[in-house]
Amino acid sequence: MRRLIVVVALIGLALTIPAKAQRPKPEVVATIGGDDIYQVLPVGAIPAIDDPSFVSGAAANAQMSPGEPVLGIVLHGEARAYSLWQLDAHEIVNDEIKGTAIAATW
């Protein structure tokens, strides 16, 4: 129900904004092989998770739904799982596993 309310609110907002204000033209920031590359969000618009914290497998089972998708990695014998619903909001986690810097991105 929450998603429906948000969608309805956004539709109502869109109807009150003049057409030119609704769709600003994205800025072309580069051209590669004849194709324009557009910047649609300002730099820093999606904050990364820079200092992730983790819970045990038992705690994760208590918090997450069975079958909830995660992005997983095993590096230097250590396993990590990053929840995709959290990555939907942040898109990147900067982490370190036993001295190796990684970027988990979605």
PDB file of N, CA and C in Angstrom:
ATOM      1  N   MET A   1       0.814  -1.188   0.000  1.00  0.00           N
ATOM      2  CA  MET A   1       0.000   0.000   0.000  1.00  0.00           C
ATOM      3  C   MET A   1       0.860   1.254   0.000  1.00  0.00           C
ATOM      4  N   ARG A   2       1.991   1.227   0.688  1.00  0.00           N
ATOM      5  CA  ARG A   2       2.858   2.388   0.762  1.00  0.00           C
ATOM      6  C   ARG A   2       3.344   2.791  -0.622  1.00  0.00           C
ATOM      7  N   ARG A   3       3.683   1.834  -1.456  1.00  0.00           N
ATOM      8  CA  ARG A   3       4.170   2.165  -2.795  1.00  0.00           C
ATOM      9  C   ARG A   3       3.078   2.822  -3.629  1.00  0.00           C
ATOM     10  N   LEU A   4       1.853   2.348  -3.495  1.00  0.00           N
ATOM     11  CA  LEU A   4       0.741   2.930  -4.235  1.00  0.00           C
ATOM     12  C   LEU A   4       0.542   4.384  -3.846  1.00  0.00           C
ATOM     13  N   ILE A   5       0.611   4.684  -2.572  1.00  0.00           N
ATOM     14  CA  ILE A   5       0.437   6.054  -2.097  1.00  0.00           C
ATOM     15  C   ILE A   5       1.533   6.954  -2.652  1.00  0.00           C
ATOM     16  N   VAL A   6       2.762   6.483  -2.650  1.00  0.00           N
ATOM     17  CA  VAL A   6       3.873   7.265  -3.175  1.00  0.00           C
ATOM     18  C   VAL A   6       3.674   7.537  -4.653  1.00  0.00           C
ATOM     19  N   VAL A   7       3.285   6.520  -5.407  1.00  0.00           N
ATOM     20  CA  VAL A   7       3.070   6.685  -6.839  1.00  0.00           C
ATOM     21  C   VAL A   7       1.969   7.699  -7.098  1.00  0.00           C
ATOM     22  N   VAL A   8       0.874   7.604  -6.386  1.00  0.00           N
ATOM     23  CA  VAL A   8      -0.236   8.547  -6.558  1.00  0.00           C
ATOM     24  C   VAL A   8       0.220   9.957  -6.217  1.00  0.00           C
ATOM     25  N   ALA A   9       1.000  10.102  -5.135  1.00  0.00           N
ATOM     26  CA  ALA A   9       1.492  11.418  -4.746  1.00  0.00           C
ATOM     27  C   ALA A   9       2.406  11.986  -5.825  1.00  0.00           C
ATOM     28  N   LEU A  10       3.264  11.164  -6.415  1.00  0.00           N
ATOM     29  CA  LEU A  10       4.157  11.635  -7.464  1.00  0.00           C
ATOM     30  C   LEU A  10       3.391  12.015  -8.727  1.00  0.00           C
ATOM     31  N   ILE A  11       2.370  11.277  -9.052  1.00  0.00           N
ATOM     32  CA  ILE A  11       1.553  11.618 -10.217  1.00  0.00           C
ATOM     33  C   ILE A  11       0.868  12.954  -9.986  1.00  0.00           C
ATOM     34  N   GLY A  12       0.324  13.163  -8.789  1.00  0.00           N
ATOM     35  CA  GLY A  12      -0.316  14.430  -8.462  1.00  0.00           C
ATOM     36  C   GLY A  12       0.667  15.579  -8.531  1.00  0.00           C
ATOM     37  N   LEU A  13       1.895  15.375  -8.070  1.00  0.00           N
ATOM     38  CA  LEU A  13       2.922  16.401  -8.122  1.00  0.00           C
ATOM     39  C   LEU A  13       3.279  16.718  -9.566  1.00  0.00           C
ATOM     40  N   ALA A  14       3.402  15.688 -10.392  1.00  0.00           N
ATOM     41  CA  ALA A  14       3.766  15.890 -11.790  1.00  0.00           C
ATOM     42  C   ALA A  14       2.719  16.722 -12.527  1.00  0.00           C
ATOM     43  N   LEU A  15       1.470  16.594 -12.160  1.00  0.00           N
ATOM     44  CA  LEU A  15       0.413  17.343 -12.826  1.00  0.00           C
ATOM     45  C   LEU A  15       0.457  18.827 -12.484  1.00  0.00           C
ATOM     46  N   THR A  16       1.104  19.203 -11.381  1.00  0.00           N
ATOM     47  CA  THR A  16       1.143  20.602 -10.967  1.00  0.00           C
ATOM     48  C   THR A  16       2.402  21.323 -11.417  1.00  0.00           C
ATOM     49  N   ILE A  17       3.371  20.617 -12.018  1.00  0.00           N
ATOM     50  CA  ILE A  17       4.627  21.216 -12.449  1.00  0.00           C
ATOM     51  C   ILE A  17       4.562  21.472 -13.953  1.00  0.00           C
ATOM     52  N   PRO A  18       4.970  22.651 -14.392  1.00  0.00           N
ATOM     53  CA  PRO A  18       4.977  22.915 -15.839  1.00  0.00           C
ATOM     54  C   PRO A  18       5.813  21.879 -16.584  1.00  0.00           C
ATOM     55  N   ALA A  19       5.437  21.608 -17.833  1.00  0.00           N
ATOM     56  CA  ALA A  19       6.069  20.541 -18.619  1.00  0.00           C
ATOM     57  C   ALA A  19       7.583  20.701 -18.721  1.00  0.00           C
ATOM     58  N   LYS A  20       8.091  21.923 -18.934  1.00  0.00           N
ATOM     59  CA  LYS A  20       9.535  22.117 -19.073  1.00  0.00           C
ATOM     60  C   LYS A  20      10.262  21.785 -17.776  1.00  0.00           C
ATOM     61  N   ALA A  21       9.642  22.027 -16.636  1.00  0.00           N
ATOM     62  CA  ALA A  21      10.285  21.746 -15.351  1.00  0.00           C
ATOM     63  C   ALA A  21      10.277  20.254 -15.047  1.00  0.00           C
ATOM     64  N   GLN A  22       9.361  19.498 -15.650  1.00  0.00           N
ATOM     65  CA  GLN A  22       9.252  18.074 -15.372  1.00  0.00           C
ATOM     66  C   GLN A  22      10.407  17.284 -15.960  1.00  0.00           C
ATOM     67  N   ARG A  23      10.901  17.683 -17.095  1.00  0.00           N
ATOM     68  CA  ARG A  23      11.908  16.883 -17.798  1.00  0.00           C
ATOM     69  C   ARG A  23      13.105  17.731 -18.204  1.00  0.00           C
ATOM     70  N   PRO A  24      13.969  18.057 -17.233  1.00  0.00           N
ATOM     71  CA  PRO A  24      15.163  18.788 -17.652  1.00  0.00           C
ATOM     72  C   PRO A  24      16.025  17.879 -18.529  1.00  0.00           C
ATOM     73  N   LYS A  25      16.627  18.464 -19.538  1.00  0.00           N
ATOM     74  CA  LYS A  25      17.463  17.677 -20.447  1.00  0.00           C
ATOM     75  C   LYS A  25      18.750  17.299 -19.726  1.00  0.00           C
ATOM     76  N   PRO A  26      19.082  15.983 -19.698  1.00  0.00           N
ATOM     77  CA  PRO A  26      20.326  15.565 -19.049  1.00  0.00           C
ATOM     78  C   PRO A  26      21.532  16.153 -19.768  1.00  0.00           C
ATOM     79  N   GLU A  27      22.580  16.401 -18.995  1.00  0.00           N
ATOM     80  CA  GLU A  27      23.805  16.967 -19.540  1.00  0.00           C
ATOM     81  C   GLU A  27      24.664  15.877 -20.170  1.00  0.00           C
ATOM     82  N   VAL A  28      25.151  16.129 -21.377  1.00  0.00           N
ATOM     83  CA  VAL A  28      26.096  15.212 -22.019  1.00  0.00           C
ATOM     84  C   VAL A  28      27.464  15.491 -21.405  1.00  0.00           C
ATOM     85  N   VAL A  29      28.062  14.476 -20.787  1.00  0.00           N
ATOM     86  CA  VAL A  29      29.352  14.668 -20.121  1.00  0.00           C
ATOM     87  C   VAL A  29      30.513  14.080 -20.911  1.00  0.00           C
ATOM     88  N   ALA A  30      30.215  13.226 -21.873  1.00  0.00           N
ATOM     89  CA  ALA A  30      31.269  12.631 -22.699  1.00  0.00           C
ATOM     90  C   ALA A  30      30.627  11.978 -23.907  1.00  0.00           C
ATOM     91  N   THR A  31      31.451  11.676 -24.878  1.00  0.00           N
ATOM     92  CA  THR A  31      31.019  10.910 -26.045  1.00  0.00           C
ATOM     93  C   THR A  31      32.017   9.780 -26.235  1.00  0.00           C
ATOM     94  N   ILE A  32      31.512   8.548 -26.300  1.00  0.00           N
ATOM     95  CA  ILE A  32      32.374   7.383 -26.479  1.00  0.00           C
ATOM     96  C   ILE A  32      31.880   6.621 -27.701  1.00  0.00           C
ATOM     97  N   GLY A  33      32.747   6.467 -28.673  1.00  0.00           N
ATOM     98  CA  GLY A  33      32.394   5.744 -29.894  1.00  0.00           C
ATOM     99  C   GLY A  33      31.185   6.341 -30.598  1.00  0.00           C
ATOM    100  N   GLY A  34      31.027   7.662 -30.516  1.00  0.00           N
ATOM    101  CA  GLY A  34      29.907   8.330 -31.157  1.00  0.00           C
ATOM    102  C   GLY A  34      28.630   8.352 -30.332  1.00  0.00           C
ATOM    103  N   ASP A  35      28.625   7.690 -29.169  1.00  0.00           N
ATOM    104  CA  ASP A  35      27.448   7.675 -28.297  1.00  0.00           C
ATOM    105  C   ASP A  35      27.625   8.662 -27.152  1.00  0.00           C
ATOM    106  N   ASP A  36      26.601   9.479 -26.919  1.00  0.00           N
ATOM    107  CA  ASP A  36      26.636  10.449 -25.829  1.00  0.00           C
ATOM    108  C   ASP A  36      26.458   9.753 -24.487  1.00  0.00           C
ATOM    109  N   ILE A  37      27.199  10.194 -23.494  1.00  0.00           N
ATOM    110  CA  ILE A  37      27.075   9.735 -22.123  1.00  0.00           C
ATOM    111  C   ILE A  37      26.439  10.885 -21.346  1.00  0.00           C
ATOM    112  N   TYR A  38      25.301  10.609 -20.686  1.00  0.00           N
ATOM    113  CA  TYR A  38      24.550  11.637 -19.983  1.00  0.00           C
ATOM    114  C   TYR A  38      24.727  11.524 -18.477  1.00  0.00           C
ATOM    115  N   GLN A  39      24.784  12.666 -17.811  1.00  0.00           N
ATOM    116  CA  GLN A  39      24.771  12.690 -16.349  1.00  0.00           C
ATOM    117  C   GLN A  39      23.341  12.980 -15.934  1.00  0.00           C
ATOM    118  N   VAL A  40      22.702  12.005 -15.261  1.00  0.00           N
ATOM    119  CA  VAL A  40      21.306  12.169 -14.873  1.00  0.00           C
ATOM    120  C   VAL A  40      21.144  12.485 -13.388  1.00  0.00           C
ATOM    121  N   LEU A  41      22.175  12.223 -12.598  1.00  0.00           N
ATOM    122  CA  LEU A  41      22.166  12.554 -11.169  1.00  0.00           C
ATOM    123  C   LEU A  41      23.430  13.326 -10.846  1.00  0.00           C
ATOM    124  N   PRO A  42      23.355  14.250  -9.909  1.00  0.00           N
ATOM    125  CA  PRO A  42      24.578  14.948  -9.519  1.00  0.00           C
ATOM    126  C   PRO A  42      25.531  14.010  -8.788  1.00  0.00           C
ATOM    127  N   VAL A  43      26.816  14.323  -8.841  1.00  0.00           N
ATOM    128  CA  VAL A  43      27.820  13.531  -8.143  1.00  0.00           C
ATOM    129  C   VAL A  43      27.473  13.507  -6.659  1.00  0.00           C
ATOM    130  N   GLY A  44      27.523  12.334  -6.059  1.00  0.00           N
ATOM    131  CA  GLY A  44      27.224  12.188  -4.635  1.00  0.00           C
ATOM    132  C   GLY A  44      25.746  12.044  -4.305  1.00  0.00           C
ATOM    133  N   ALA A  45      24.891  11.916  -5.324  1.00  0.00           N
ATOM    134  CA  ALA A  45      23.446  11.823  -5.078  1.00  0.00           C
ATOM    135  C   ALA A  45      23.048  10.507  -4.419  1.00  0.00           C
ATOM    136  N   ILE A  46      23.840   9.467  -4.608  1.00  0.00           N
ATOM    137  CA  ILE A  46      23.560   8.165  -4.004  1.00  0.00           C
ATOM    138  C   ILE A  46      24.722   7.853  -3.063  1.00  0.00           C
ATOM    139  N   PRO A  47      24.520   8.024  -1.756  1.00  0.00           N
ATOM    140  CA  PRO A  47      25.641   7.831  -0.829  1.00  0.00           C
ATOM    141  C   PRO A  47      26.049   6.370  -0.684  1.00  0.00           C
ATOM    142  N   ALA A  48      27.350   6.143  -0.689  1.00  0.00           N
ATOM    143  CA  ALA A  48      27.886   4.801  -0.481  1.00  0.00           C
ATOM    144  C   ALA A  48      27.850   4.468   1.006  1.00  0.00           C
ATOM    145  N   ILE A  49      27.884   3.178   1.301  1.00  0.00           N
ATOM    146  CA  ILE A  49      28.086   2.725   2.674  1.00  0.00           C
ATOM    147  C   ILE A  49      29.591   2.553   2.822  1.00  0.00           C
ATOM    148  N   ASP A  50      30.214   3.377   3.652  1.00  0.00           N
ATOM    149  CA  ASP A  50      31.668   3.364   3.778  1.00  0.00           C
ATOM    150  C   ASP A  50      32.177   2.568   4.969  1.00  0.00           C
ATOM    151  N   ASP A  51      31.350   2.325   5.956  1.00  0.00           N
ATOM    152  CA  ASP A  51      31.793   1.587   7.142  1.00  0.00           C
ATOM    153  C   ASP A  51      30.722   0.551   7.480  1.00  0.00           C
ATOM    154  N   PRO A  52      30.611  -0.503   6.659  1.00  0.00           N
ATOM    155  CA  PRO A  52      29.521  -1.461   6.872  1.00  0.00           C
ATOM    156  C   PRO A  52      29.688  -2.224   8.184  1.00  0.00           C
ATOM    157  N   SER A  53      28.551  -2.581   8.771  1.00  0.00           N
ATOM    158  CA  SER A  53      28.582  -3.459   9.945  1.00  0.00           C
ATOM    159  C   SER A  53      27.840  -4.737   9.573  1.00  0.00           C
ATOM    160  N   PHE A  54      28.221  -5.819  10.216  1.00  0.00           N
ATOM    161  CA  PHE A  54      27.679  -7.123   9.871  1.00  0.00           C
ATOM    162  C   PHE A  54      27.133  -7.806  11.112  1.00  0.00           C
ATOM    163  N   VAL A  55      26.209  -8.724  10.895  1.00  0.00           N
ATOM    164  CA  VAL A  55      25.644  -9.527  11.978  1.00  0.00           C
ATOM    165  C   VAL A  55      25.957 -10.990  11.685  1.00  0.00           C
ATOM    166  N   SER A  56      25.780 -11.817  12.699  1.00  0.00           N
ATOM    167  CA  SER A  56      26.023 -13.249  12.520  1.00  0.00           C
ATOM    168  C   SER A  56      24.970 -13.841  11.583  1.00  0.00           C
ATOM    169  N   GLY A  57      25.236 -15.035  11.109  1.00  0.00           N
ATOM    170  CA  GLY A  57      24.265 -15.732  10.263  1.00  0.00           C
ATOM    171  C   GLY A  57      22.941 -15.939  10.978  1.00  0.00           C
ATOM    172  N   ALA A  58      22.983 -16.278  12.275  1.00  0.00           N
ATOM    173  CA  ALA A  58      21.748 -16.486  13.040  1.00  0.00           C
ATOM    174  C   ALA A  58      20.953 -15.183  13.149  1.00  0.00           C
ATOM    175  N   ALA A  59      21.648 -14.074  13.401  1.00  0.00           N
ATOM    176  CA  ALA A  59      20.957 -12.779  13.487  1.00  0.00           C
ATOM    177  C   ALA A  59      20.384 -12.381  12.127  1.00  0.00           C
ATOM    178  N   ALA A  60      21.125 -12.657  11.052  1.00  0.00           N
ATOM    179  CA  ALA A  60      20.624 -12.351   9.705  1.00  0.00           C
ATOM    180  C   ALA A  60      19.371 -13.171   9.405  1.00  0.00           C
ATOM    181  N   ASN A  61      19.367 -14.447   9.779  1.00  0.00           N
ATOM    182  CA  ASN A  61      18.181 -15.287   9.566  1.00  0.00           C
ATOM    183  C   ASN A  61      16.970 -14.731  10.298  1.00  0.00           C
ATOM    184  N   ALA A  62      17.180 -14.155  11.477  1.00  0.00           N
ATOM    185  CA  ALA A  62      16.074 -13.589  12.244  1.00  0.00           C
ATOM    186  C   ALA A  62      15.552 -12.301  11.617  1.00  0.00           C
ATOM    187  N   GLN A  63      16.421 -11.569  10.907  1.00  0.00           N
ATOM    188  CA  GLN A  63      16.046 -10.268  10.343  1.00  0.00           C
ATOM    189  C   GLN A  63      15.549 -10.347   8.904  1.00  0.00           C
ATOM    190  N   MET A  64      15.993 -11.341   8.163  1.00  0.00           N
ATOM    191  CA  MET A  64      15.714 -11.391   6.729  1.00  0.00           C
ATOM    192  C   MET A  64      14.693 -12.466   6.400  1.00  0.00           C
ATOM    193  N   SER A  65      14.031 -12.286   5.294  1.00  0.00           N
ATOM    194  CA  SER A  65      13.078 -13.281   4.808  1.00  0.00           C
ATOM    195  C   SER A  65      13.830 -14.434   4.165  1.00  0.00           C
ATOM    196  N   PRO A  66      13.284 -15.641   4.250  1.00  0.00           N
ATOM    197  CA  PRO A  66      13.922 -16.760   3.542  1.00  0.00           C
ATOM    198  C   PRO A  66      13.972 -16.447   2.037  1.00  0.00           C
ATOM    199  N   GLY A  67      15.091 -16.677   1.450  1.00  0.00           N
ATOM    200  CA  GLY A  67      15.219 -16.427   0.018  1.00  0.00           C
ATOM    201  C   GLY A  67      15.476 -14.978  -0.342  1.00  0.00           C
ATOM    202  N   GLU A  68      15.638 -14.093   0.660  1.00  0.00           N
ATOM    203  CA  GLU A  68      15.927 -12.686   0.355  1.00  0.00           C
ATOM    204  C   GLU A  68      17.282 -12.605  -0.347  1.00  0.00           C
ATOM    205  N   PRO A  69      17.353 -11.918  -1.478  1.00  0.00           N
ATOM    206  CA  PRO A  69      18.603 -11.919  -2.241  1.00  0.00           C
ATOM    207  C   PRO A  69      19.702 -11.087  -1.576  1.00  0.00           C
ATOM    208  N   VAL A  70      20.917 -11.580  -1.714  1.00  0.00           N
ATOM    209  CA  VAL A  70      22.096 -10.874  -1.226  1.00  0.00           C
ATOM    210  C   VAL A  70      23.175 -10.939  -2.290  1.00  0.00           C
ATOM    211  N   LEU A  71      24.112 -10.037  -2.208  1.00  0.00           N
ATOM    212  CA  LEU A  71      25.317 -10.086  -3.016  1.00  0.00           C
ATOM    213  C   LEU A  71      26.388 -10.646  -2.103  1.00  0.00           C
ATOM    214  N   GLY A  72      26.967 -11.773  -2.467  1.00  0.00           N
ATOM    215  CA  GLY A  72      27.919 -12.431  -1.587  1.00  0.00           C
ATOM    216  C   GLY A  72      29.316 -12.478  -2.158  1.00  0.00           C
ATOM    217  N   ILE A  73      30.281 -12.523  -1.267  1.00  0.00           N
ATOM    218  CA  ILE A  73      31.681 -12.650  -1.663  1.00  0.00           C
ATOM    219  C   ILE A  73      32.404 -13.483  -0.609  1.00  0.00           C
ATOM    220  N   VAL A  74      33.337 -14.296  -1.073  1.00  0.00           N
ATOM    221  CA  VAL A  74      34.258 -15.008  -0.186  1.00  0.00           C
ATOM    222  C   VAL A  74      35.652 -14.614  -0.641  1.00  0.00           C
ATOM    223  N   LEU A  75      36.421 -14.023   0.276  1.00  0.00           N
ATOM    224  CA  LEU A  75      37.758 -13.554  -0.042  1.00  0.00           C
ATOM    225  C   LEU A  75      38.678 -13.867   1.130  1.00  0.00           C
ATOM    226  N   HIS A  76      39.797 -14.467   0.853  1.00  0.00           N
ATOM    227  CA  HIS A  76      40.760 -14.842   1.901  1.00  0.00           C
ATOM    228  C   HIS A  76      40.088 -15.700   2.976  1.00  0.00           C
ATOM    229  N   GLY A  77      39.139 -16.551   2.578  1.00  0.00           N
ATOM    230  CA  GLY A  77      38.463 -17.441   3.513  1.00  0.00           C
ATOM    231  C   GLY A  77      37.388 -16.780   4.361  1.00  0.00           C
ATOM    232  N   GLU A  78      37.088 -15.517   4.102  1.00  0.00           N
ATOM    233  CA  GLU A  78      36.050 -14.807   4.860  1.00  0.00           C
ATOM    234  C   GLU A  78      34.866 -14.524   3.938  1.00  0.00           C
ATOM    235  N   ALA A  79      33.665 -14.824   4.425  1.00  0.00           N
ATOM    236  CA  ALA A  79      32.443 -14.617   3.633  1.00  0.00           C
ATOM    237  C   ALA A  79      31.717 -13.364   4.108  1.00  0.00           C
ATOM    238  N   ARG A  80      31.174 -12.629   3.150  1.00  0.00           N
ATOM    239  CA  ARG A  80      30.348 -11.451   3.443  1.00  0.00           C
ATOM    240  C   ARG A  80      29.111 -11.525   2.562  1.00  0.00           C
ATOM    241  N   ALA A  81      28.011 -11.014   3.077  1.00  0.00           N
ATOM    242  CA  ALA A  81      26.776 -10.916   2.296  1.00  0.00           C
ATOM    243  C   ALA A  81      26.221  -9.510   2.464  1.00  0.00           C
ATOM    244  N   TYR A  82      25.862  -8.885   1.349  1.00  0.00           N
ATOM    245  CA  TYR A  82      25.318  -7.536   1.338  1.00  0.00           C
ATOM    246  C   TYR A  82      23.868  -7.624   0.867  1.00  0.00           C
ATOM    247  N   SER A  83      22.964  -7.155   1.681  1.00  0.00           N
ATOM    248  CA  SER A  83      21.538  -7.214   1.389  1.00  0.00           C
ATOM    249  C   SER A  83      21.206  -6.356   0.161  1.00  0.00           C
ATOM    250  N   LEU A  84      20.508  -6.937  -0.800  1.00  0.00           N
ATOM    251  CA  LEU A  84      20.171  -6.175  -2.007  1.00  0.00           C
ATOM    252  C   LEU A  84      19.162  -5.074  -1.739  1.00  0.00           C
ATOM    253  N   TRP A  85      18.284  -5.246  -0.746  1.00  0.00           N
ATOM    254  CA  TRP A  85      17.346  -4.154  -0.486  1.00  0.00           C
ATOM    255  C   TRP A  85      18.086  -2.948   0.066  1.00  0.00           C
ATOM    256  N   GLN A  86      19.189  -3.147   0.786  1.00  0.00           N
ATOM    257  CA  GLN A  86      19.990  -2.011   1.236  1.00  0.00           C
ATOM    258  C   GLN A  86      20.810  -1.442   0.080  1.00  0.00           C
ATOM    259  N   LEU A  87      21.311  -2.316  -0.782  1.00  0.00           N
ATOM    260  CA  LEU A  87      22.061  -1.834  -1.934  1.00  0.00           C
ATOM    261  C   LEU A  87      21.169  -1.075  -2.913  1.00  0.00           C
ATOM    262  N   ASP A  88      19.875  -1.357  -2.933  1.00  0.00           N
ATOM    263  CA  ASP A  88      18.970  -0.581  -3.786  1.00  0.00           C
ATOM    264  C   ASP A  88      19.030   0.903  -3.439  1.00  0.00           C
ATOM    265  N   ALA A  89      19.218   1.226  -2.162  1.00  0.00           N
ATOM    266  CA  ALA A  89      19.249   2.618  -1.721  1.00  0.00           C
ATOM    267  C   ALA A  89      20.649   3.227  -1.807  1.00  0.00           C
ATOM    268  N   HIS A  90      21.691   2.405  -1.745  1.00  0.00           N
ATOM    269  CA  HIS A  90      23.057   2.934  -1.697  1.00  0.00           C
ATOM    270  C   HIS A  90      23.896   2.560  -2.917  1.00  0.00           C
ATOM    271  N   GLU A  91      23.616   1.430  -3.512  1.00  0.00           N
ATOM    272  CA  GLU A  91      24.252   0.930  -4.729  1.00  0.00           C
ATOM    273  C   GLU A  91      25.719   0.538  -4.592  1.00  0.00           C
ATOM    274  N   ILE A  92      26.390   0.970  -3.525  1.00  0.00           N
ATOM    275  CA  ILE A  92      27.797   0.585  -3.372  1.00  0.00           C
ATOM    276  C   ILE A  92      28.165   0.512  -1.893  1.00  0.00           C
ATOM    277  N   VAL A  93      28.961  -0.499  -1.577  1.00  0.00           N
ATOM    278  CA  VAL A  93      29.522  -0.635  -0.237  1.00  0.00           C
ATOM    279  C   VAL A  93      31.029  -0.694  -0.394  1.00  0.00           C
ATOM    280  N   ASN A  94      31.723   0.235   0.241  1.00  0.00           N
ATOM    281  CA  ASN A  94      33.177   0.208   0.284  1.00  0.00           C
ATOM    282  C   ASN A  94      33.565  -0.572   1.529  1.00  0.00           C
ATOM    283  N   ASP A  95      34.293  -1.654   1.342  1.00  0.00           N
ATOM    284  CA  ASP A  95      34.588  -2.553   2.446  1.00  0.00           C
ATOM    285  C   ASP A  95      36.047  -2.987   2.363  1.00  0.00           C
ATOM    286  N   GLU A  96      36.497  -3.661   3.394  1.00  0.00           N
ATOM    287  CA  GLU A  96      37.841  -4.223   3.416  1.00  0.00           C
ATOM    288  C   GLU A  96      37.752  -5.606   4.046  1.00  0.00           C
ATOM    289  N   ILE A  97      38.339  -6.582   3.382  1.00  0.00           N
ATOM    290  CA  ILE A  97      38.361  -7.943   3.884  1.00  0.00           C
ATOM    291  C   ILE A  97      39.821  -8.369   4.036  1.00  0.00           C
ATOM    292  N   LYS A  98      40.219  -8.524   5.271  1.00  0.00           N
ATOM    293  CA  LYS A  98      41.601  -8.946   5.590  1.00  0.00           C
ATOM    294  C   LYS A  98      42.637  -8.158   4.806  1.00  0.00           C
ATOM    295  N   GLY A  99      42.495  -6.826   4.816  1.00  0.00           N
ATOM    296  CA  GLY A  99      43.472  -5.937   4.184  1.00  0.00           C
ATOM    297  C   GLY A  99      43.259  -5.679   2.711  1.00  0.00           C
ATOM    298  N   THR A 100      42.275  -6.311   2.093  1.00  0.00           N
ATOM    299  CA  THR A 100      41.990  -6.073   0.671  1.00  0.00           C
ATOM    300  C   THR A 100      40.752  -5.206   0.543  1.00  0.00           C
ATOM    301  N   ALA A 101      40.910  -4.045  -0.065  1.00  0.00           N
ATOM    302  CA  ALA A 101      39.784  -3.138  -0.281  1.00  0.00           C
ATOM    303  C   ALA A 101      38.912  -3.672  -1.405  1.00  0.00           C
ATOM    304  N   ILE A 102      37.592  -3.643  -1.189  1.00  0.00           N
ATOM    305  CA  ILE A 102      36.655  -4.061  -2.237  1.00  0.00           C
ATOM    306  C   ILE A 102      35.528  -3.041  -2.337  1.00  0.00           C
ATOM    307  N   ALA A 103      34.856  -3.034  -3.460  1.00  0.00           N
ATOM    308  CA  ALA A 103      33.648  -2.252  -3.660  1.00  0.00           C
ATOM    309  C   ALA A 103      32.563  -3.226  -4.102  1.00  0.00           C
ATOM    310  N   ALA A 104      31.566  -3.418  -3.248  1.00  0.00           N
ATOM    311  CA  ALA A 104      30.412  -4.264  -3.607  1.00  0.00           C
ATOM    312  C   ALA A 104      29.382  -3.323  -4.206  1.00  0.00           C
ATOM    313  N   THR A 105      29.006  -3.552  -5.452  1.00  0.00           N
ATOM    314  CA  THR A 105      28.098  -2.625  -6.125  1.00  0.00           C
ATOM    315  C   THR A 105      26.936  -3.357  -6.758  1.00  0.00           C
ATOM    316  N   TRP A 106      25.819  -2.659  -6.849  1.00  0.00           N
ATOM    317  CA  TRP A 106      24.583  -3.239  -7.355  1.00  0.00           C
ATOM    318  C   TRP A 106      23.959  -2.272  -8.304  1.00  0.00           C
TER     319      TRP A 106
END
